[in-house]
Amino acid sequence: MLNGLFSYIIDHLNKYKEEMHSIFKKTLNHEKLDVKLASLQALSNYLQTVEQVDTKKFQDLTEDMVKVIIVANQEDDETVLQDAWIEFNEIAEIEPKFFQKKMKDIFAATKDIVLKTDFANDKIKQQPIEFYVTCIERIPAIVKKNT
């Protein structure tokens, strides 16, 4: 429901950043993977709609966002895994600085997906690479001091 509202009433919703943050935090940590994905999709839409200054409040949710990918990979849910990576890639295209502080942690947590060989859909392996490349192209400093 939130996903559809962002483009229409973002200025109004932006007044409630604390509440929005709380909603995203709670739903990203929900027990059901489909709820986690829906939350990630809504957060992605929000981050792509607001100004860069308004995204900073939500950077601490990066770890919870990555957990959606990790859980989907552990549960071999390729549909959720692919959809989650799509959201990461869309955020990276619009707001790559969102991931700047946590890039090393994101890479460490997700690099095994690139090495995995038993996906039914081979395109899933390409999505993390696309994410890393997009972030590096847009902000080369992300990797300058990180071998």
N, C-alpha and C. Protein backbone atom coordinates (compact mmCIF):
# COMPACT_ATOMS: atom_id res chain seq x y z
N MET A 1 0.82 -1.18 0.00
CA MET A 1 0.00 0.00 0.00
C MET A 1 0.87 1.26 0.00
N LEU A 2 1.92 1.25 0.82
CA LEU A 2 2.82 2.40 0.86
C LEU A 2 3.47 2.64 -0.49
N ASN A 3 3.83 1.55 -1.14
CA ASN A 3 4.51 1.65 -2.43
C ASN A 3 3.76 2.55 -3.40
N GLY A 4 2.46 2.41 -3.46
CA GLY A 4 1.67 3.19 -4.38
C GLY A 4 1.50 4.64 -3.97
N LEU A 5 1.67 4.93 -2.69
CA LEU A 5 1.45 6.28 -2.20
C LEU A 5 2.65 7.21 -2.36
N PHE A 6 3.84 6.66 -2.43
CA PHE A 6 5.04 7.50 -2.41
C PHE A 6 5.05 8.56 -3.50
N SER A 7 4.71 8.20 -4.70
CA SER A 7 4.80 9.17 -5.77
C SER A 7 3.73 10.26 -5.66
N TYR A 8 2.69 10.03 -4.87
CA TYR A 8 1.61 11.01 -4.75
C TYR A 8 1.72 11.91 -3.53
N ILE A 9 2.13 11.33 -2.42
CA ILE A 9 2.11 12.11 -1.17
C ILE A 9 3.45 12.04 -0.43
N ILE A 10 4.55 12.00 -1.19
CA ILE A 10 5.86 11.87 -0.56
C ILE A 10 6.15 13.03 0.39
N ASP A 11 5.75 14.24 0.02
CA ASP A 11 6.01 15.39 0.90
C ASP A 11 5.32 15.23 2.26
N HIS A 12 4.13 14.70 2.23
CA HIS A 12 3.40 14.48 3.49
C HIS A 12 4.05 13.34 4.28
N LEU A 13 4.34 12.24 3.62
CA LEU A 13 4.93 11.09 4.32
C LEU A 13 6.32 11.41 4.85
N ASN A 14 7.03 12.29 4.17
CA ASN A 14 8.38 12.64 4.60
C ASN A 14 8.39 13.34 5.96
N LYS A 15 7.28 13.87 6.35
CA LYS A 15 7.17 14.50 7.67
C LYS A 15 7.21 13.45 8.79
N TYR A 16 6.99 12.21 8.41
CA TYR A 16 6.91 11.12 9.39
C TYR A 16 8.05 10.13 9.20
N LYS A 17 9.26 10.64 9.03
CA LYS A 17 10.42 9.77 8.79
C LYS A 17 10.64 8.77 9.91
N GLU A 18 10.48 9.22 11.15
CA GLU A 18 10.68 8.31 12.28
C GLU A 18 9.72 7.14 12.23
N GLU A 19 8.47 7.42 11.94
CA GLU A 19 7.46 6.37 11.86
C GLU A 19 7.73 5.46 10.65
N MET A 20 8.11 6.07 9.54
CA MET A 20 8.43 5.29 8.34
C MET A 20 9.61 4.36 8.63
N HIS A 21 10.62 4.90 9.27
CA HIS A 21 11.80 4.10 9.63
C HIS A 21 11.38 2.92 10.50
N SER A 22 10.56 3.19 11.47
CA SER A 22 10.09 2.13 12.37
C SER A 22 9.31 1.05 11.62
N ILE A 23 8.46 1.46 10.70
CA ILE A 23 7.69 0.50 9.91
C ILE A 23 8.63 -0.36 9.07
N PHE A 24 9.59 0.28 8.40
CA PHE A 24 10.52 -0.48 7.57
C PHE A 24 11.38 -1.42 8.42
N LYS A 25 11.84 -0.95 9.56
CA LYS A 25 12.66 -1.78 10.44
C LYS A 25 11.89 -3.03 10.87
N LYS A 26 10.67 -2.82 11.28
CA LYS A 26 9.85 -3.93 11.76
C LYS A 26 9.53 -4.92 10.65
N THR A 27 9.16 -4.42 9.49
CA THR A 27 8.75 -5.33 8.41
C THR A 27 9.94 -5.98 7.71
N LEU A 28 11.09 -5.34 7.68
CA LEU A 28 12.28 -5.99 7.13
C LEU A 28 12.72 -7.16 8.00
N ASN A 29 12.34 -7.13 9.26
CA ASN A 29 12.70 -8.19 10.20
C ASN A 29 11.54 -9.13 10.52
N HIS A 30 10.50 -9.07 9.72
CA HIS A 30 9.34 -9.94 9.89
C HIS A 30 9.76 -11.39 9.67
N GLU A 31 9.02 -12.33 10.23
CA GLU A 31 9.39 -13.74 10.09
C GLU A 31 9.14 -14.29 8.69
N LYS A 32 8.19 -13.71 7.96
CA LYS A 32 7.85 -14.21 6.63
C LYS A 32 8.67 -13.50 5.56
N LEU A 33 9.25 -14.29 4.68
CA LEU A 33 10.12 -13.75 3.65
C LEU A 33 9.36 -12.85 2.67
N ASP A 34 8.13 -13.17 2.36
CA ASP A 34 7.38 -12.33 1.42
C ASP A 34 7.08 -10.95 2.01
N VAL A 35 6.93 -10.87 3.32
CA VAL A 35 6.73 -9.57 3.98
C VAL A 35 8.04 -8.78 3.94
N LYS A 36 9.15 -9.47 4.17
CA LYS A 36 10.46 -8.81 4.10
C LYS A 36 10.68 -8.23 2.71
N LEU A 37 10.36 -9.01 1.69
CA LEU A 37 10.54 -8.53 0.32
C LEU A 37 9.63 -7.34 0.04
N ALA A 38 8.39 -7.40 0.45
CA ALA A 38 7.46 -6.29 0.23
C ALA A 38 7.99 -5.02 0.92
N SER A 39 8.56 -5.19 2.10
CA SER A 39 9.14 -4.06 2.82
C SER A 39 10.34 -3.51 2.06
N LEU A 40 11.20 -4.39 1.57
CA LEU A 40 12.36 -3.96 0.79
C LEU A 40 11.92 -3.20 -0.46
N GLN A 41 10.90 -3.70 -1.13
CA GLN A 41 10.40 -3.04 -2.32
C GLN A 41 9.83 -1.66 -1.99
N ALA A 42 9.10 -1.55 -0.90
CA ALA A 42 8.55 -0.26 -0.49
C ALA A 42 9.67 0.71 -0.10
N LEU A 43 10.64 0.22 0.65
CA LEU A 43 11.77 1.06 1.05
C LEU A 43 12.54 1.52 -0.18
N SER A 44 12.75 0.64 -1.11
CA SER A 44 13.44 0.99 -2.35
C SER A 44 12.69 2.10 -3.08
N ASN A 45 11.39 1.95 -3.19
CA ASN A 45 10.58 2.97 -3.85
C ASN A 45 10.68 4.29 -3.11
N TYR A 46 10.63 4.24 -1.80
CA TYR A 46 10.75 5.45 -0.98
C TYR A 46 12.09 6.14 -1.24
N LEU A 47 13.19 5.36 -1.18
CA LEU A 47 14.52 5.92 -1.36
C LEU A 47 14.71 6.53 -2.74
N GLN A 48 14.05 5.96 -3.73
CA GLN A 48 14.16 6.48 -5.09
C GLN A 48 13.28 7.71 -5.31
N THR A 49 12.35 7.96 -4.40
CA THR A 49 11.40 9.06 -4.55
C THR A 49 11.86 10.32 -3.80
N VAL A 50 12.49 10.14 -2.64
CA VAL A 50 12.87 11.30 -1.82
C VAL A 50 14.20 11.88 -2.28
N GLU A 51 14.51 13.05 -1.74
CA GLU A 51 15.80 13.69 -2.00
C GLU A 51 16.90 12.94 -1.26
N GLN A 52 18.14 13.06 -1.75
CA GLN A 52 19.27 12.35 -1.16
C GLN A 52 19.41 12.63 0.34
N VAL A 53 19.19 13.85 0.75
CA VAL A 53 19.32 14.20 2.16
C VAL A 53 18.35 13.40 3.03
N ASP A 54 17.22 13.04 2.46
CA ASP A 54 16.21 12.30 3.23
C ASP A 54 16.51 10.80 3.30
N THR A 55 17.46 10.31 2.53
CA THR A 55 17.79 8.88 2.56
C THR A 55 18.73 8.53 3.71
N LYS A 56 19.47 9.50 4.20
CA LYS A 56 20.48 9.24 5.24
C LYS A 56 19.89 8.60 6.49
N LYS A 57 18.70 9.01 6.85
CA LYS A 57 18.03 8.48 8.04
C LYS A 57 17.83 6.97 7.95
N PHE A 58 17.79 6.44 6.72
CA PHE A 58 17.45 5.04 6.50
C PHE A 58 18.67 4.15 6.22
N GLN A 59 19.87 4.74 6.22
CA GLN A 59 21.07 3.96 5.92
C GLN A 59 21.33 2.86 6.94
N ASP A 60 20.88 3.05 8.15
CA ASP A 60 21.10 2.01 9.16
C ASP A 60 20.25 0.77 8.89
N LEU A 61 19.36 0.82 7.93
CA LEU A 61 18.54 -0.34 7.56
C LEU A 61 19.23 -1.24 6.53
N THR A 62 20.40 -0.82 6.07
CA THR A 62 21.10 -1.59 5.04
C THR A 62 21.32 -3.03 5.45
N GLU A 63 21.73 -3.26 6.68
CA GLU A 63 21.97 -4.62 7.17
C GLU A 63 20.69 -5.45 7.10
N ASP A 64 19.58 -4.86 7.49
CA ASP A 64 18.29 -5.57 7.42
C ASP A 64 17.89 -5.84 5.97
N MET A 65 18.22 -4.92 5.09
CA MET A 65 17.94 -5.11 3.67
C MET A 65 18.73 -6.29 3.11
N VAL A 66 20.00 -6.36 3.49
CA VAL A 66 20.86 -7.46 3.04
C VAL A 66 20.37 -8.80 3.56
N LYS A 67 19.81 -8.80 4.76
CA LYS A 67 19.28 -10.04 5.33
C LYS A 67 18.18 -10.64 4.47
N VAL A 68 17.43 -9.82 3.75
CA VAL A 68 16.40 -10.33 2.85
C VAL A 68 17.06 -11.20 1.78
N ILE A 69 18.17 -10.72 1.25
CA ILE A 69 18.92 -11.47 0.24
C ILE A 69 19.49 -12.75 0.84
N ILE A 70 20.07 -12.63 2.01
CA ILE A 70 20.70 -13.79 2.65
C ILE A 70 19.67 -14.87 2.95
N VAL A 71 18.53 -14.48 3.52
CA VAL A 71 17.49 -15.45 3.86
C VAL A 71 16.93 -16.09 2.58
N ALA A 72 16.69 -15.30 1.56
CA ALA A 72 16.17 -15.85 0.30
C ALA A 72 17.16 -16.84 -0.29
N ASN A 73 18.44 -16.55 -0.19
CA ASN A 73 19.46 -17.47 -0.68
C ASN A 73 19.49 -18.75 0.15
N GLN A 74 19.43 -18.62 1.46
CA GLN A 74 19.44 -19.78 2.35
C GLN A 74 18.22 -20.67 2.12
N GLU A 75 17.09 -20.04 1.83
CA GLU A 75 15.86 -20.80 1.61
C GLU A 75 15.68 -21.22 0.15
N ASP A 76 16.68 -20.94 -0.66
CA ASP A 76 16.63 -21.26 -2.10
C ASP A 76 15.38 -20.72 -2.77
N ASP A 77 14.97 -19.54 -2.37
CA ASP A 77 13.82 -18.88 -2.98
C ASP A 77 14.35 -17.92 -4.05
N GLU A 78 14.51 -18.45 -5.25
CA GLU A 78 15.13 -17.69 -6.33
C GLU A 78 14.27 -16.50 -6.76
N THR A 79 12.97 -16.62 -6.65
CA THR A 79 12.09 -15.51 -7.04
C THR A 79 12.32 -14.32 -6.12
N VAL A 80 12.31 -14.55 -4.82
CA VAL A 80 12.54 -13.47 -3.86
C VAL A 80 13.97 -12.94 -4.00
N LEU A 81 14.92 -13.83 -4.18
CA LEU A 81 16.31 -13.43 -4.34
C LEU A 81 16.47 -12.49 -5.54
N GLN A 82 15.89 -12.87 -6.65
CA GLN A 82 15.98 -12.04 -7.84
C GLN A 82 15.28 -10.69 -7.63
N ASP A 83 14.09 -10.73 -7.05
CA ASP A 83 13.36 -9.48 -6.80
C ASP A 83 14.11 -8.56 -5.83
N ALA A 84 14.74 -9.13 -4.83
CA ALA A 84 15.51 -8.33 -3.88
C ALA A 84 16.71 -7.67 -4.56
N TRP A 85 17.41 -8.43 -5.40
CA TRP A 85 18.55 -7.84 -6.12
C TRP A 85 18.10 -6.75 -7.08
N ILE A 86 16.93 -6.91 -7.66
CA ILE A 86 16.41 -5.86 -8.54
C ILE A 86 16.27 -4.55 -7.76
N GLU A 87 15.78 -4.64 -6.54
CA GLU A 87 15.62 -3.44 -5.71
C GLU A 87 16.98 -2.83 -5.37
N PHE A 88 17.95 -3.65 -5.02
CA PHE A 88 19.28 -3.14 -4.73
C PHE A 88 19.85 -2.42 -5.95
N ASN A 89 19.67 -3.02 -7.12
CA ASN A 89 20.18 -2.42 -8.35
C ASN A 89 19.47 -1.11 -8.67
N GLU A 90 18.19 -1.04 -8.42
CA GLU A 90 17.46 0.20 -8.69
C GLU A 90 17.89 1.32 -7.74
N ILE A 91 18.11 0.98 -6.49
CA ILE A 91 18.61 1.99 -5.53
C ILE A 91 20.00 2.45 -5.95
N ALA A 92 20.84 1.51 -6.34
CA ALA A 92 22.21 1.85 -6.75
C ALA A 92 22.22 2.78 -7.97
N GLU A 93 21.28 2.59 -8.86
CA GLU A 93 21.20 3.46 -10.04
C GLU A 93 20.84 4.89 -9.66
N ILE A 94 19.91 5.04 -8.74
CA ILE A 94 19.40 6.36 -8.36
C ILE A 94 20.20 6.99 -7.22
N GLU A 95 20.54 6.19 -6.22
CA GLU A 95 21.13 6.72 -5.00
C GLU A 95 22.29 5.83 -4.53
N PRO A 96 23.39 5.74 -5.29
CA PRO A 96 24.48 4.82 -4.92
C PRO A 96 25.15 5.15 -3.59
N LYS A 97 25.12 6.41 -3.19
CA LYS A 97 25.74 6.79 -1.92
C LYS A 97 25.05 6.15 -0.72
N PHE A 98 23.82 5.69 -0.93
CA PHE A 98 23.10 5.03 0.15
C PHE A 98 23.88 3.83 0.67
N PHE A 99 24.60 3.15 -0.20
CA PHE A 99 25.32 1.93 0.18
C PHE A 99 26.79 2.18 0.52
N GLN A 100 27.26 3.39 0.38
CA GLN A 100 28.69 3.68 0.48
C GLN A 100 29.32 3.20 1.78
N LYS A 101 28.71 3.48 2.90
CA LYS A 101 29.31 3.13 4.19
C LYS A 101 29.31 1.62 4.46
N LYS A 102 28.40 0.89 3.85
CA LYS A 102 28.24 -0.54 4.13
C LYS A 102 28.65 -1.44 2.97
N MET A 103 29.29 -0.89 1.96
CA MET A 103 29.60 -1.67 0.77
C MET A 103 30.47 -2.89 1.09
N LYS A 104 31.45 -2.73 1.92
CA LYS A 104 32.32 -3.85 2.29
C LYS A 104 31.51 -4.97 2.95
N ASP A 105 30.60 -4.60 3.85
CA ASP A 105 29.75 -5.58 4.53
C ASP A 105 28.78 -6.25 3.55
N ILE A 106 28.23 -5.45 2.64
CA ILE A 106 27.30 -6.01 1.65
C ILE A 106 28.03 -7.03 0.79
N PHE A 107 29.22 -6.67 0.33
CA PHE A 107 29.99 -7.59 -0.50
C PHE A 107 30.31 -8.87 0.26
N ALA A 108 30.78 -8.74 1.49
CA ALA A 108 31.13 -9.91 2.28
C ALA A 108 29.94 -10.84 2.50
N ALA A 109 28.77 -10.24 2.69
CA ALA A 109 27.57 -11.03 2.97
C ALA A 109 26.97 -11.68 1.72
N THR A 110 27.28 -11.13 0.55
CA THR A 110 26.59 -11.59 -0.66
C THR A 110 27.49 -12.21 -1.72
N LYS A 111 28.80 -12.20 -1.52
CA LYS A 111 29.70 -12.69 -2.57
C LYS A 111 29.49 -14.18 -2.88
N ASP A 112 29.00 -14.94 -1.92
CA ASP A 112 28.76 -16.37 -2.16
C ASP A 112 27.69 -16.61 -3.22
N ILE A 113 26.80 -15.66 -3.39
CA ILE A 113 25.75 -15.81 -4.40
C ILE A 113 26.36 -15.84 -5.80
N VAL A 114 27.39 -15.06 -6.01
CA VAL A 114 28.06 -15.03 -7.31
C VAL A 114 28.75 -16.37 -7.58
N LEU A 115 29.23 -17.01 -6.53
CA LEU A 115 29.97 -18.27 -6.68
C LEU A 115 29.05 -19.49 -6.75
N LYS A 116 27.81 -19.33 -6.37
CA LYS A 116 26.87 -20.45 -6.35
C LYS A 116 26.60 -20.95 -7.78
N THR A 117 26.58 -22.25 -7.94
CA THR A 117 26.47 -22.82 -9.29
C THR A 117 25.15 -23.54 -9.56
N ASP A 118 24.28 -23.64 -8.59
CA ASP A 118 23.08 -24.45 -8.80
C ASP A 118 21.77 -23.66 -8.88
N PHE A 119 21.84 -22.44 -9.38
CA PHE A 119 20.61 -21.67 -9.59
C PHE A 119 19.89 -22.20 -10.81
N ALA A 120 18.57 -22.28 -10.73
CA ALA A 120 17.77 -22.63 -11.90
C ALA A 120 17.79 -21.49 -12.91
N ASN A 121 17.88 -20.27 -12.39
CA ASN A 121 17.94 -19.07 -13.23
C ASN A 121 19.34 -18.47 -13.12
N ASP A 122 20.14 -18.62 -14.16
CA ASP A 122 21.53 -18.14 -14.13
C ASP A 122 21.65 -16.62 -14.02
N LYS A 123 20.60 -15.90 -14.36
CA LYS A 123 20.65 -14.44 -14.30
C LYS A 123 20.79 -13.93 -12.87
N ILE A 124 20.42 -14.75 -11.91
CA ILE A 124 20.53 -14.33 -10.51
C ILE A 124 21.99 -14.07 -10.14
N LYS A 125 22.90 -14.85 -10.68
CA LYS A 125 24.33 -14.65 -10.40
C LYS A 125 24.82 -13.31 -10.93
N GLN A 126 24.22 -12.83 -11.99
CA GLN A 126 24.65 -11.58 -12.62
C GLN A 126 24.19 -10.35 -11.84
N GLN A 127 23.10 -10.47 -11.13
CA GLN A 127 22.53 -9.31 -10.44
C GLN A 127 23.44 -8.74 -9.36
N PRO A 128 24.08 -9.56 -8.52
CA PRO A 128 24.99 -8.96 -7.55
C PRO A 128 26.18 -8.28 -8.23
N ILE A 129 26.66 -8.88 -9.31
CA ILE A 129 27.78 -8.27 -10.04
C ILE A 129 27.35 -6.92 -10.61
N GLU A 130 26.15 -6.89 -11.17
CA GLU A 130 25.62 -5.63 -11.70
C GLU A 130 25.54 -4.58 -10.59
N PHE A 131 25.11 -5.00 -9.42
CA PHE A 131 25.01 -4.09 -8.28
C PHE A 131 26.38 -3.54 -7.91
N TYR A 132 27.38 -4.43 -7.75
CA TYR A 132 28.72 -3.99 -7.38
C TYR A 132 29.28 -3.03 -8.41
N VAL A 133 29.14 -3.38 -9.68
CA VAL A 133 29.69 -2.55 -10.76
C VAL A 133 29.01 -1.19 -10.79
N THR A 134 27.70 -1.16 -10.64
CA THR A 134 26.97 0.10 -10.64
C THR A 134 27.47 1.02 -9.52
N CYS A 135 27.60 0.47 -8.34
CA CYS A 135 28.08 1.28 -7.21
C CYS A 135 29.51 1.77 -7.44
N ILE A 136 30.36 0.89 -7.94
CA ILE A 136 31.76 1.25 -8.17
C ILE A 136 31.89 2.29 -9.28
N GLU A 137 31.12 2.15 -10.33
CA GLU A 137 31.16 3.13 -11.42
C GLU A 137 30.72 4.50 -10.94
N ARG A 138 29.71 4.53 -10.12
CA ARG A 138 29.16 5.81 -9.68
C ARG A 138 29.95 6.44 -8.54
N ILE A 139 30.58 5.59 -7.72
CA ILE A 139 31.38 6.09 -6.60
C ILE A 139 32.65 5.24 -6.49
N PRO A 140 33.64 5.51 -7.31
CA PRO A 140 34.87 4.70 -7.29
C PRO A 140 35.56 4.64 -5.92
N ALA A 141 35.38 5.65 -5.11
CA ALA A 141 36.02 5.67 -3.79
C ALA A 141 35.55 4.53 -2.90
N ILE A 142 34.43 3.91 -3.23
CA ILE A 142 33.92 2.80 -2.43
C ILE A 142 34.95 1.69 -2.32
N VAL A 143 35.74 1.48 -3.35
CA VAL A 143 36.68 0.36 -3.36
C VAL A 143 38.15 0.75 -3.37
N LYS A 144 38.44 2.01 -3.40
CA LYS A 144 39.83 2.43 -3.51
C LYS A 144 40.72 1.88 -2.40
N LYS A 145 40.21 1.83 -1.20
CA LYS A 145 41.02 1.36 -0.07
C LYS A 145 40.66 -0.05 0.36
N ASN A 146 39.90 -0.74 -0.48
CA ASN A 146 39.42 -2.07 -0.12
C ASN A 146 39.83 -3.08 -1.19
N THR A 147 40.78 -3.92 -0.86
CA THR A 147 41.24 -4.90 -1.85
C THR A 147 40.18 -5.95 -2.10
